[in-house]
Each structure stands twice: as C-alpha cells, then as structure tokens.
C-alpha cells in the first residue's frame, strides 16, 4: 500500500499535467482563431479570438462535459435529476431576489421572495418546486442584467474559456455574481466542490438535446450561438420590452 503522501503527490502531478495539456490546447485554439478569423461583426470585434476559445471549449465539452452529462442522464432516474435541478434553481432564486431588488422590480422581488420561502419550507429545501405548481413564476436575474437595467451597455461579445458566451458587461459582473452564489458559503471544501461539479453536469445534461440539434442544424455553430445569446441577453435585460433604437 502506497503512503498517503506519495499518493497525493502523484495525484497532484497528474492534475498539473492535465492542466498543462488543457492550457496548451487553449493557446493553440486561440492562436489559430486569431490567424484565420472572418470579417468582423460590429457586435463581435474579438471574433478571431472568440472562435479560438470556442474551439477550445468545444474540445473540453466533447472530451469531458458531454460524456459526463450523458452518463448522468442515463444513470439517474428523472425524478432525481428533477430534484437536483430544483435544488440549484432554488439557490439561484436567492441571488435573483437580490438583483430584482437592485433593479427596483417590486413585483418580481415579492414573487421571488415567496418562491424561495415556499420551496425551502414546503419543498424539502428546494428539491420540490412547489412554487411553480402554485403559479409563482421564476424571474431569473443576475448582476449583468442589473447593470444593463441601469444603462450600462453590453459591450462586445466575449467567449470565456470554459464558461462560454458572455459580453464585456457580463464578464465585469461575473465576480459579483460569484460572490452571490450561496455555495460559496459552504466551509466544507470537498462538499462545496462536489456541488459545483454536480451543478455543472446537471446544467449540461439539460442542454444535451438542444446541443445535438444545434450540431445538426447550424451551418456555422459559432455565429448561431453568438447571435442567439446576444438576442436572449438583450431580451432578459429589457424583460421582453425591447427599445426601438436598437441599443441597450
């Protein structure tokens, strides 16, 4: 039996090796994108760079996330997956409530506050979505939407390594959103990291079918993803009431 310290050292070496390979792949993808980018889009001046990062993200998704999400969907029964999704949704509702208050959306704030309390108390800590069944709608809000609500422009489209589509405004807001994540309050690091991984896999599993349709239908997956993301984010910031001037 190997000493524990030796085993930990070997695991650390293997982990560092994996990180080096991922880093090298990211640099190659980004360099390739910068060298061969198409004509610039006004909303996407960093398109060559973004395409390189997208290729890196697709490679990680194909190698790690999609297989893990597929296994997750095949192994766990639907009621369990629904409970997991409800649990993380209930956690995110807390931060949505904070941002609804910051945006002075009084009705949304009240409904989200009710959602959190109903699902936490009567829904076994959020495993059951009692609020939706009772007709209390979910209003998903984040700090990027809050900035947009108060007039901060979205800025250029950006693709972040591992995290995917974003904008300059949403990227600036990301550290604040991270601080609003209730999982950060867990002091047990192994449990917290396990929940982070479970949330990522659960989220990816919910997109398996849409991802397959996108792969089969889109002539240019990058352009389709970019345009769909920007349209959705603009709609979220304005709650569906888009301005006529075409600007945020």
Protein backbone atom coordinates (compact mmCIF):
# COMPACT_ATOMS: atom_id res chain seq x y z
CA UNK A 1 0.00 0.00 0.00
CA UNK A 2 1.43 3.41 -1.03
CA UNK A 3 1.91 6.05 1.66
CA UNK A 4 -0.81 8.67 1.57
CA UNK A 5 1.65 11.49 0.94
CA UNK A 6 3.07 9.68 -2.08
CA UNK A 7 -0.41 9.08 -3.46
CA UNK A 8 -1.35 12.72 -3.02
CA UNK A 9 1.89 13.83 -4.67
CA UNK A 10 1.22 11.54 -7.65
CA UNK A 11 -2.34 12.87 -7.95
CA UNK A 12 -1.05 16.43 -7.90
CA UNK A 13 1.44 15.63 -10.66
CA UNK A 14 -1.27 14.07 -12.80
CA UNK A 15 -3.55 17.06 -12.18
CA UNK A 16 -0.83 19.51 -13.16
CA UNK A 17 -0.16 17.52 -16.32
CA UNK A 18 -3.84 17.68 -17.30
CA UNK A 19 -3.93 21.44 -16.67
CA UNK A 20 -0.82 21.93 -18.81
CA UNK A 21 -2.40 19.99 -21.67
CA UNK A 22 -5.62 21.99 -21.42
CA UNK A 23 -3.66 25.23 -21.32
CA UNK A 24 -1.65 24.25 -24.38
CA UNK A 25 -4.82 23.31 -26.23
CA UNK A 26 -6.40 26.66 -25.34
CA UNK A 27 -3.37 28.61 -26.58
CA UNK A 28 -3.29 26.68 -29.84
CA UNK A 29 -7.00 27.20 -30.41
CA UNK A 30 -6.80 30.91 -29.66
CA UNK A 31 -3.74 31.39 -31.86
CA UNK A 32 -5.47 29.55 -34.69
CA UNK A 33 -8.56 31.70 -34.34
CA UNK A 34 -6.55 34.92 -34.36
CA UNK A 35 -4.82 33.87 -37.54
CA UNK A 36 -7.87 32.84 -39.56
CA UNK A 37 -10.81 34.98 -38.36
CA UNK A 38 -13.58 36.02 -40.80
CA UNK A 39 -14.77 39.58 -41.46
CA UNK A 40 -15.50 41.35 -38.17
CA UNK A 41 -19.05 41.70 -36.86
CA UNK A 42 -19.81 45.09 -35.19
CA UNK A 43 -21.06 43.29 -32.06
CA UNK A 44 -18.13 40.89 -32.14
CA UNK A 45 -14.84 42.75 -32.75
CA UNK A 46 -12.92 39.96 -30.99
CA UNK A 47 -14.32 37.27 -33.29
CA UNK A 48 -11.00 35.62 -34.22
CA UNK A 49 -10.05 35.30 -30.55
CA UNK A 50 -13.57 34.19 -29.61
CA UNK A 51 -13.63 31.50 -32.27
CA UNK A 52 -10.37 30.09 -30.93
CA UNK A 53 -11.74 29.97 -27.39
CA UNK A 54 -14.96 28.38 -28.70
CA UNK A 55 -12.96 25.59 -30.32
CA UNK A 56 -11.17 25.00 -27.04
CA UNK A 57 -14.48 24.95 -25.15
CA UNK A 58 -15.97 22.53 -27.69
CA UNK A 59 -12.98 20.22 -27.26
CA UNK A 60 -13.39 20.22 -23.47
CA UNK A 61 -17.12 19.67 -23.85
CA UNK A 62 -16.64 16.73 -26.22
CA UNK A 63 -13.97 15.15 -24.02
CA UNK A 64 -15.40 15.76 -20.54
CA UNK A 65 -18.72 17.55 -20.10
CA UNK A 66 -20.91 15.86 -22.69
CA UNK A 67 -19.88 12.28 -21.72
CA UNK A 68 -20.36 13.11 -18.02
CA UNK A 69 -23.77 14.68 -18.68
CA UNK A 70 -24.84 11.75 -20.83
CA UNK A 71 -23.87 9.27 -18.12
CA UNK A 72 -25.63 11.42 -15.52
CA UNK A 73 -28.84 11.38 -17.54
CA UNK A 74 -28.66 7.65 -18.21
CA UNK A 75 -27.77 6.56 -14.67
CA UNK A 76 -30.02 8.77 -12.54
CA UNK A 77 -33.82 8.46 -12.83
CA UNK A 78 -35.75 11.52 -13.97
CA UNK A 79 -37.27 12.35 -10.52
CA UNK A 80 -33.78 12.50 -9.00
CA UNK A 81 -32.48 14.76 -11.77
CA UNK A 82 -35.53 16.99 -11.40
CA UNK A 83 -34.90 17.26 -7.66
CA UNK A 84 -31.27 18.22 -8.23
CA UNK A 85 -32.27 20.83 -10.79
CA UNK A 86 -34.93 22.23 -8.46
CA UNK A 87 -32.43 22.44 -5.60
CA UNK A 88 -29.93 24.51 -7.58
CA UNK A 89 -32.75 26.60 -9.03
CA UNK A 90 -33.92 27.45 -5.52
CA UNK A 91 -30.39 28.55 -4.58
CA UNK A 92 -30.19 30.78 -7.65
CA UNK A 93 -33.55 32.34 -6.78
CA UNK A 94 -31.95 33.94 -3.71
CA UNK A 95 -29.49 35.90 -5.87
CA UNK A 96 -32.28 36.67 -8.34
CA UNK A 97 -34.21 38.22 -5.46
CA UNK A 98 -31.26 40.46 -4.59
CA UNK A 99 -30.92 41.64 -8.20
CA UNK A 100 -34.67 42.17 -8.56
CA UNK A 101 -34.48 44.48 -5.53
CA UNK A 102 -31.47 46.30 -7.01
CA UNK A 103 -33.45 46.81 -10.21
CA UNK A 104 -36.48 48.09 -8.25
CA UNK A 105 -38.70 45.36 -9.70
CA UNK A 106 -41.08 45.20 -6.78
CA UNK A 107 -43.46 42.56 -8.10
CA UNK A 108 -40.65 40.29 -9.23
CA UNK A 109 -38.91 40.75 -5.89
CA UNK A 110 -42.05 39.79 -3.97
CA UNK A 111 -42.71 36.74 -6.16
CA UNK A 112 -39.10 35.54 -5.94
CA UNK A 113 -39.10 36.03 -2.17
CA UNK A 114 -42.25 33.91 -1.98
CA UNK A 115 -40.71 31.27 -4.25
CA UNK A 116 -37.65 30.85 -2.04
CA UNK A 117 -39.67 30.57 1.14
CA UNK A 118 -42.32 28.23 -0.26
CA UNK A 119 -39.81 25.89 -1.91
CA UNK A 120 -37.41 25.91 1.03
CA UNK A 121 -40.05 25.26 3.69
CA UNK A 122 -42.58 23.11 1.85
CA UNK A 123 -40.38 21.77 -0.94
CA UNK A 124 -37.85 19.90 1.21
CA UNK A 125 -35.16 22.56 0.91
CA UNK A 126 -35.92 23.20 -2.74
CA UNK A 127 -35.96 19.62 -4.03
CA UNK A 128 -39.63 20.11 -4.92
CA UNK A 129 -40.74 23.14 -6.93
CA UNK A 130 -43.98 23.78 -5.09
CA UNK A 131 -43.93 27.47 -6.04
CA UNK A 132 -44.21 26.84 -9.77
CA UNK A 133 -47.08 24.45 -9.21
CA UNK A 134 -48.75 27.20 -7.16
CA UNK A 135 -48.37 29.65 -10.06
CA UNK A 136 -45.47 31.70 -8.65
CA UNK A 137 -43.26 32.35 -11.66
CA UNK A 138 -39.46 32.32 -11.60
CA UNK A 139 -37.68 35.57 -12.50
CA UNK A 140 -34.02 34.82 -13.17
CA UNK A 141 -31.82 37.87 -12.62
CA UNK A 142 -28.08 38.38 -12.33
CA UNK A 143 -25.80 41.34 -11.79
CA UNK A 144 -25.12 41.70 -15.51
CA UNK A 145 -28.84 42.28 -16.03
CA UNK A 146 -28.83 44.73 -13.13
CA UNK A 147 -26.06 46.75 -14.78
CA UNK A 148 -27.98 46.68 -18.06
CA UNK A 149 -31.13 47.81 -16.27
CA UNK A 150 -29.31 50.96 -15.13
CA UNK A 151 -27.93 51.78 -18.54
CA UNK A 152 -24.55 50.06 -18.69
CA UNK A 153 -24.08 48.95 -22.33
CA UNK A 154 -23.41 45.31 -23.03
CA UNK A 155 -20.15 45.95 -24.86
CA UNK A 156 -18.61 43.44 -27.27
CA UNK A 157 -19.41 39.75 -27.34
CA UNK A 158 -16.84 37.67 -25.48
CA UNK A 159 -16.28 33.91 -25.22
CA UNK A 160 -14.70 32.91 -21.92
CA UNK A 161 -12.59 29.77 -21.56
CA UNK A 162 -14.76 27.01 -20.04
CA UNK A 163 -17.60 29.44 -19.22
CA UNK A 164 -18.68 30.17 -22.79
CA UNK A 165 -20.70 33.06 -24.19
CA UNK A 166 -20.65 36.40 -22.41
CA UNK A 167 -20.35 40.13 -23.03
CA UNK A 168 -17.91 42.67 -21.67
CA UNK A 169 -20.57 43.87 -19.21
CA UNK A 170 -21.44 40.35 -18.05
CA UNK A 171 -17.77 39.48 -17.69
CA UNK A 172 -17.25 42.52 -15.45
CA UNK A 173 -20.31 41.48 -13.42
CA UNK A 174 -19.19 37.86 -13.09
CA UNK A 175 -17.10 38.34 -9.89
CA UNK A 176 -20.13 39.90 -8.19
CA UNK A 177 -22.34 37.03 -9.32
CA UNK A 178 -19.78 34.62 -7.91
CA UNK A 179 -19.99 36.35 -4.53
CA UNK A 180 -23.76 35.98 -4.64
CA UNK A 181 -23.51 32.23 -5.13
CA UNK A 182 -24.76 30.57 -1.93
CA UNK A 183 -22.50 27.57 -2.48
CA UNK A 184 -19.57 29.81 -1.58
CA UNK A 185 -20.91 29.92 1.97
CA UNK A 186 -20.13 26.23 2.48
CA UNK A 187 -16.99 25.79 4.56
CA UNK A 188 -16.59 22.11 3.71
CA UNK A 189 -14.44 22.44 0.59
CA UNK A 190 -14.87 18.84 -0.73
CA UNK A 191 -18.66 19.09 -0.38
CA UNK A 192 -18.70 22.54 -1.96
CA UNK A 193 -16.58 21.45 -4.91
CA UNK A 194 -18.72 18.34 -5.39
CA UNK A 195 -21.83 20.53 -5.55
CA UNK A 196 -20.11 22.80 -8.08
CA UNK A 197 -19.37 19.78 -10.29
CA UNK A 198 -22.88 18.39 -9.85
CA UNK A 199 -24.39 21.74 -10.84
CA UNK A 200 -22.27 21.94 -13.98
CA UNK A 201 -23.14 18.39 -15.02
CA UNK A 202 -26.84 18.89 -14.27
CA UNK A 203 -26.86 22.08 -16.32
CA UNK A 204 -25.06 20.41 -19.22
CA UNK A 205 -27.45 17.43 -19.09
CA UNK A 206 -30.41 19.77 -19.55
CA UNK A 207 -28.82 21.05 -22.78
CA UNK A 208 -27.96 17.71 -24.37
CA UNK A 209 -30.89 17.64 -26.76
CA UNK A 210 -30.55 21.30 -27.71
CA UNK A 211 -26.83 20.83 -28.26
CA UNK A 212 -27.42 17.91 -30.60
CA UNK A 213 -29.98 19.90 -32.58
CA UNK A 214 -27.52 22.77 -32.83
CA UNK A 215 -24.75 20.50 -34.07
CA UNK A 216 -27.06 19.01 -36.70
CA UNK A 217 -28.75 22.20 -37.90
CA UNK A 218 -26.35 25.13 -37.65
CA UNK A 219 -24.18 25.85 -40.70
CA UNK A 220 -21.91 27.99 -38.53
CA UNK A 221 -22.30 26.92 -34.90
CA UNK A 222 -20.28 29.86 -33.61
CA UNK A 223 -22.35 32.55 -35.37
CA UNK A 224 -25.63 30.89 -34.44
CA UNK A 225 -24.63 30.62 -30.77
CA UNK A 226 -23.39 34.21 -30.66
CA UNK A 227 -26.50 35.71 -32.25
CA UNK A 228 -28.87 33.62 -30.13
CA UNK A 229 -27.01 34.53 -26.93
CA UNK A 230 -26.93 38.26 -27.65
CA UNK A 231 -30.62 38.29 -28.54
CA UNK A 232 -31.54 36.37 -25.40
CA UNK A 233 -29.47 38.58 -23.11
CA UNK A 234 -30.93 41.75 -24.61
CA UNK A 235 -34.41 40.34 -24.13
CA UNK A 236 -33.61 39.44 -20.49
CA UNK A 237 -32.28 42.91 -19.68
CA UNK A 238 -35.40 44.59 -21.08
CA UNK A 239 -37.86 41.92 -19.90
CA UNK A 240 -39.07 41.45 -23.46
CA UNK A 241 -39.81 45.18 -23.98
CA UNK A 242 -37.04 45.92 -26.45
CA UNK A 243 -36.26 49.57 -27.26
CA UNK A 244 -36.88 50.77 -30.81
CA UNK A 245 -33.47 52.39 -31.21
CA UNK A 246 -31.67 49.05 -31.37
CA UNK A 247 -29.39 49.99 -28.49
CA UNK A 248 -29.30 48.92 -24.85
